[in-house]
Amino acid sequence: MSSRRTHRTTITTGSLVIASFSAVLILSGTAGADDQGPGSSKGGKAVDQAPTGVELTTLLPEKISVDNSSKKTEITATVKNGGTKESGRISLLVVGFDGLTVKDVKGCSPIAENNLPEGANSGFSCPVDNLAAGASKSYAVDATYDPGKAGKICLPVQNADGTKTFWQQGPVPFGTTNPSPDAPATPLLLGTDNQPVNPGADELPKTGPAEQLAVLGAAGASMVAAGAAALWWSRRRTEDARG
């Protein structure tokens, strides 16, 4: 996906290849890195050829937790050089989409709104002077996530002037297929499309006896309809046999 304006420290045309990724493929104030599962490169792909001996990848937690009241969450974004030679100067970008908004990345600079890739709502650029062979560097990402929407994050790794993207993870979703609006927090899994209770709503509806009765009523109506159809079929077979 191209940027809206070409700039040395921003995403250049063709370097942030969001369009090449599939749509399936950022904790409350008390939630943090300790709540996150092991890192994963899910949704990642090498793009431009890295220098010989350099193998750059990124990692995101398998699991995060979003406070249902404040909508705050924390994510650890890691860039790693799995090659045999040092990386040289590179940059890690942390970009949020849809219901996931990146508020701050420690040690990084915000990307101006007019320099964000199409569809992004926020982003930070993290300069990495050099990664030795086998070394990695992690960044603490403060974000918010609206559980009533889908949310994605993207981690491109570029050369210093942003003309090449050696690796890009995402935009990969965090989400849940089992939202819990009445719980203190909602756990989200990496690579899972979010299925909110009421997509697009500002607030998730509460569940209680009235809602449960409505569901049971609908289920009961379905069973009655199914029973009527079975009875009709039985009567028809009986009449055909008599005929």
Protein backbone atom coordinates (compact mmCIF):
# COMPACT_ATOMS: atom_id res chain seq x y z
CA MET A 1 0.00 0.00 0.00
CA SER A 2 1.44 3.38 -0.87
CA SER A 3 1.83 6.30 1.48
CA ARG A 4 0.10 9.59 1.01
CA ARG A 5 3.38 11.49 0.77
CA THR A 6 6.92 10.37 0.00
CA HIS A 7 9.37 11.06 2.84
CA ARG A 8 12.67 9.62 4.00
CA THR A 9 11.21 8.37 7.27
CA THR A 10 7.83 7.34 5.98
CA ILE A 11 6.36 4.46 4.06
CA THR A 12 7.16 4.80 0.38
CA THR A 13 5.21 3.60 -2.63
CA GLY A 14 5.40 -0.16 -2.84
CA SER A 15 7.44 -0.54 0.36
CA LEU A 16 4.46 -1.14 2.63
CA VAL A 17 2.81 -3.96 0.72
CA ILE A 18 -0.41 -4.13 2.67
CA ALA A 19 -2.44 -4.99 -0.41
CA SER A 20 -0.52 -8.25 -0.79
CA PHE A 21 -1.83 -9.62 2.47
CA SER A 22 -5.17 -11.34 2.98
CA ALA A 23 -7.81 -9.79 5.21
CA VAL A 24 -7.61 -12.90 7.39
CA LEU A 25 -4.22 -12.72 7.21
CA ILE A 26 -2.83 -2.73 18.73
CA LEU A 27 -5.18 -4.97 29.21
CA SER A 28 -6.34 -2.90 31.29
CA GLY A 29 -4.13 -0.55 33.23
CA THR A 30 -3.04 -3.68 35.08
CA ALA A 31 -2.32 -5.68 31.96
CA GLY A 32 1.16 -5.86 30.50
CA ALA A 33 3.86 -7.91 28.90
CA ASP A 34 3.53 -10.62 31.54
CA ASP A 35 0.00 -11.31 30.27
CA GLN A 36 1.18 -11.99 26.74
CA GLY A 37 1.89 -15.37 25.24
CA PRO A 38 4.99 -16.36 23.27
CA GLY A 39 6.00 -14.30 20.25
CA SER A 40 4.82 -15.25 16.79
CA SER A 41 5.69 -14.15 13.24
CA LYS A 42 2.19 -15.10 12.03
CA GLY A 43 1.11 -13.03 9.05
CA GLY A 44 4.69 -12.11 8.17
CA LYS A 45 6.43 -12.23 4.81
CA ALA A 46 9.80 -11.27 3.35
CA VAL A 47 9.39 -8.53 0.73
CA ASP A 48 12.56 -6.90 -0.67
CA GLN A 49 15.82 -8.84 -0.61
CA ALA A 50 17.79 -8.15 2.58
CA PRO A 51 21.59 -7.81 2.48
CA THR A 52 23.47 -11.09 2.25
CA GLY A 53 23.60 -12.85 5.59
CA VAL A 54 20.79 -10.76 7.10
CA GLU A 55 17.43 -12.37 7.96
CA LEU A 56 14.98 -9.91 9.49
CA THR A 57 11.67 -10.95 11.04
CA THR A 58 9.27 -9.58 13.64
CA LEU A 59 7.35 -11.12 16.52
CA LEU A 60 4.03 -10.24 18.14
CA PRO A 61 2.47 -11.85 21.23
CA GLU A 62 0.10 -14.74 20.59
CA LYS A 63 -2.30 -13.27 23.13
CA ILE A 64 -3.15 -9.84 24.54
CA SER A 65 -5.89 -8.62 26.86
CA VAL A 66 -8.07 -5.53 26.46
CA ASP A 67 -9.71 -3.76 29.38
CA ASN A 68 -13.41 -3.54 28.51
CA SER A 69 -13.78 -0.22 30.32
CA SER A 70 -10.71 1.79 29.28
CA LYS A 71 -10.05 -0.20 26.06
CA LYS A 72 -6.34 -0.06 26.88
CA THR A 73 -3.90 -2.80 25.95
CA GLU A 74 -0.15 -3.32 25.81
CA ILE A 75 1.74 -5.16 23.06
CA THR A 76 5.38 -6.14 22.73
CA ALA A 77 6.74 -5.71 19.18
CA THR A 78 10.07 -7.43 18.48
CA VAL A 79 12.42 -7.20 15.51
CA LYS A 80 14.96 -10.00 15.10
CA ASN A 81 18.00 -10.68 12.94
CA GLY A 82 18.23 -14.44 12.46
CA GLY A 83 21.09 -14.19 9.96
CA THR A 84 24.84 -14.51 10.22
CA LYS A 85 25.74 -10.84 9.66
CA GLU A 86 24.74 -7.60 11.37
CA SER A 87 21.77 -5.78 9.89
CA GLY A 88 23.10 -2.26 9.54
CA ARG A 89 20.73 0.68 10.12
CA ILE A 90 17.08 -0.33 9.84
CA SER A 91 13.70 0.93 11.04
CA LEU A 92 10.76 -0.90 12.59
CA LEU A 93 7.33 0.64 11.94
CA VAL A 94 4.36 -0.07 14.21
CA VAL A 95 1.08 0.78 12.49
CA GLY A 96 -2.51 0.42 13.74
CA PHE A 97 -5.69 -0.18 11.74
CA ASP A 98 -9.43 -0.10 12.42
CA GLY A 99 -10.25 -0.67 16.09
CA LEU A 100 -6.59 -0.92 17.14
CA THR A 101 -4.93 2.48 17.70
CA VAL A 102 -1.25 2.76 18.59
CA LYS A 103 -0.90 5.47 21.26
CA ASP A 104 2.82 5.27 22.01
CA VAL A 105 5.88 3.14 21.34
CA LYS A 106 8.71 3.67 23.80
CA GLY A 107 11.79 5.12 22.10
CA CYS A 108 10.01 5.77 18.78
CA SER A 109 8.60 8.76 16.90
CA PRO A 110 4.98 9.16 15.72
CA ILE A 111 4.33 9.05 11.99
CA ALA A 112 2.49 12.15 10.81
CA GLU A 113 -1.12 11.51 9.88
CA ASN A 114 -0.59 12.58 6.26
CA ASN A 115 2.29 10.11 5.97
CA LEU A 116 0.39 7.07 7.21
CA PRO A 117 -0.46 4.30 4.75
CA GLU A 118 -3.99 4.21 3.40
CA GLY A 119 -6.42 2.85 5.98
CA ALA A 120 -4.09 3.28 8.97
CA ASN A 121 -5.16 5.35 11.97
CA SER A 122 -1.81 5.61 13.78
CA GLY A 123 1.83 4.64 13.53
CA PHE A 124 5.31 5.01 15.00
CA SER A 125 8.77 4.72 13.49
CA CYS A 126 11.51 3.06 15.54
CA PRO A 127 15.10 3.57 14.31
CA VAL A 128 17.36 0.57 14.95
CA ASP A 129 21.03 1.46 14.56
CA ASN A 130 22.15 -2.13 14.11
CA LEU A 131 21.17 -5.67 15.02
CA ALA A 132 23.97 -8.17 15.45
CA ALA A 133 23.58 -11.67 14.04
CA GLY A 134 21.09 -13.55 16.21
CA ALA A 135 20.13 -10.42 18.16
CA SER A 136 16.67 -8.94 18.70
CA LYS A 137 15.17 -5.73 20.04
CA SER A 138 11.75 -5.34 21.65
CA TYR A 139 9.52 -2.29 21.98
CA ALA A 140 6.69 -1.67 24.45
CA VAL A 141 3.57 -0.59 22.54
CA ASP A 142 0.75 1.25 24.33
CA ALA A 143 -2.49 0.96 22.40
CA THR A 144 -6.25 0.96 22.63
CA TYR A 145 -8.56 -1.61 21.09
CA ASP A 146 -12.28 -1.11 20.54
CA PRO A 147 -13.83 -4.56 21.15
CA GLY A 148 -16.82 -3.48 19.06
CA LYS A 149 -14.65 -3.37 15.94
CA ALA A 150 -12.05 -5.43 14.12
CA GLY A 151 -8.45 -4.41 14.78
CA LYS A 152 -5.16 -5.01 13.00
CA ILE A 153 -1.48 -4.20 13.50
CA CYS A 154 1.35 -4.08 10.97
CA LEU A 155 5.12 -4.33 11.55
CA PRO A 156 7.21 -3.47 8.47
CA VAL A 157 11.02 -3.57 8.75
CA GLN A 158 12.70 -1.15 6.34
CA ASN A 159 16.13 0.11 5.48
CA ALA A 160 17.15 3.44 6.99
CA ASP A 161 15.73 5.64 4.22
CA GLY A 162 12.50 3.67 3.83
CA THR A 163 13.04 2.73 0.19
CA LYS A 164 13.03 -1.02 0.87
CA THR A 165 10.90 -3.24 3.09
CA PHE A 166 12.82 -6.35 4.08
CA TRP A 167 9.97 -7.89 6.07
CA GLN A 168 6.35 -7.11 6.89
CA GLN A 169 4.11 -8.73 9.45
CA GLY A 170 0.50 -7.94 8.75
CA PRO A 171 -1.73 -6.15 8.80
CA VAL A 172 -2.58 -9.10 11.02
CA PRO A 173 -5.68 -9.09 13.23
CA PHE A 174 -6.10 -9.49 16.94
CA GLY A 175 -9.55 -10.69 17.85
CA THR A 176 -11.89 -13.06 19.61
CA THR A 177 -14.76 -15.26 18.50
CA ASN A 178 -16.12 -15.24 22.06
CA PRO A 179 -16.53 -11.62 23.22
CA SER A 180 -17.17 -11.04 26.90
CA PRO A 181 -18.51 -7.49 27.34
CA ASP A 182 -19.49 -8.03 30.98
CA ALA A 183 -16.05 -9.32 31.98
CA PRO A 184 -13.29 -6.97 33.19
CA ALA A 185 -11.11 -7.81 30.18
CA THR A 186 -11.35 -9.56 26.84
CA PRO A 187 -8.50 -11.82 25.70
CA LEU A 188 -7.57 -11.44 22.03
CA LEU A 189 -5.61 -13.90 19.91
CA LEU A 190 -3.19 -13.03 17.12
CA GLY A 191 -4.42 -13.98 13.66
CA THR A 192 -8.07 -14.14 14.74
CA ASP A 193 -10.70 -11.93 13.13
CA ASN A 194 -12.68 -10.16 15.82
CA GLN A 195 -16.37 -11.05 16.02
CA PRO A 196 -17.93 -8.43 18.30
CA VAL A 197 -21.35 -8.88 19.81
CA ASN A 198 -22.65 -5.91 17.86
CA PRO A 199 -20.21 -4.92 15.08
CA GLY A 200 -19.89 -1.20 14.57
CA ALA A 201 -21.52 -0.23 17.85
CA ASP A 202 -19.80 2.13 20.25
CA GLU A 203 -20.65 -0.14 23.14
CA LEU A 204 -21.19 -3.86 23.34
CA PRO A 205 -24.68 -4.88 24.50
CA LYS A 206 -25.00 -6.43 27.92
CA THR A 207 -26.28 -9.95 28.27
CA GLY A 208 -28.89 -10.86 30.85
CA PRO A 209 -32.19 -12.69 31.40
CA ALA A 210 -34.05 -10.60 28.81
CA GLU A 211 -31.50 -11.27 26.10
CA GLN A 212 -31.31 -14.95 27.04
CA LEU A 213 -35.09 -15.24 26.82
CA ALA A 214 -35.03 -13.64 23.38
CA VAL A 215 -32.46 -16.18 22.22
CA LEU A 216 -34.42 -19.05 23.71
CA GLY A 217 -37.60 -17.71 22.12
CA ALA A 218 -35.97 -17.64 18.71
CA ALA A 219 -34.61 -21.14 19.20
CA GLY A 220 -38.04 -22.34 20.31
CA ALA A 221 -39.67 -20.84 17.22
CA SER A 222 -37.14 -22.62 15.04
CA MET A 223 -37.86 -25.94 16.71
CA VAL A 224 -41.61 -25.42 16.31
CA ALA A 225 -41.14 -24.65 12.63
CA ALA A 226 -38.97 -27.73 12.22
CA GLY A 227 -41.55 -29.87 14.02
CA ALA A 228 -44.35 -28.53 11.82
CA ALA A 229 -42.37 -29.32 8.70
CA ALA A 230 -41.70 -32.86 9.92
CA LEU A 231 -45.39 -33.33 10.71
CA TRP A 232 -46.37 -32.04 7.26
CA TRP A 233 -43.91 -34.47 5.62
CA SER A 234 -45.25 -37.37 7.68
CA ARG A 235 -48.86 -36.59 6.78
CA ARG A 236 -47.96 -36.25 3.10
CA ARG A 237 -46.26 -39.65 3.06
CA THR A 238 -49.32 -41.19 4.78
CA GLU A 239 -51.72 -39.64 2.24
CA ASP A 240 -49.54 -40.79 -0.66
CA ALA A 241 -49.52 -44.33 0.73
CA ARG A 242 -53.29 -44.33 0.97
CA GLY A 243 -53.63 -42.99 -2.54
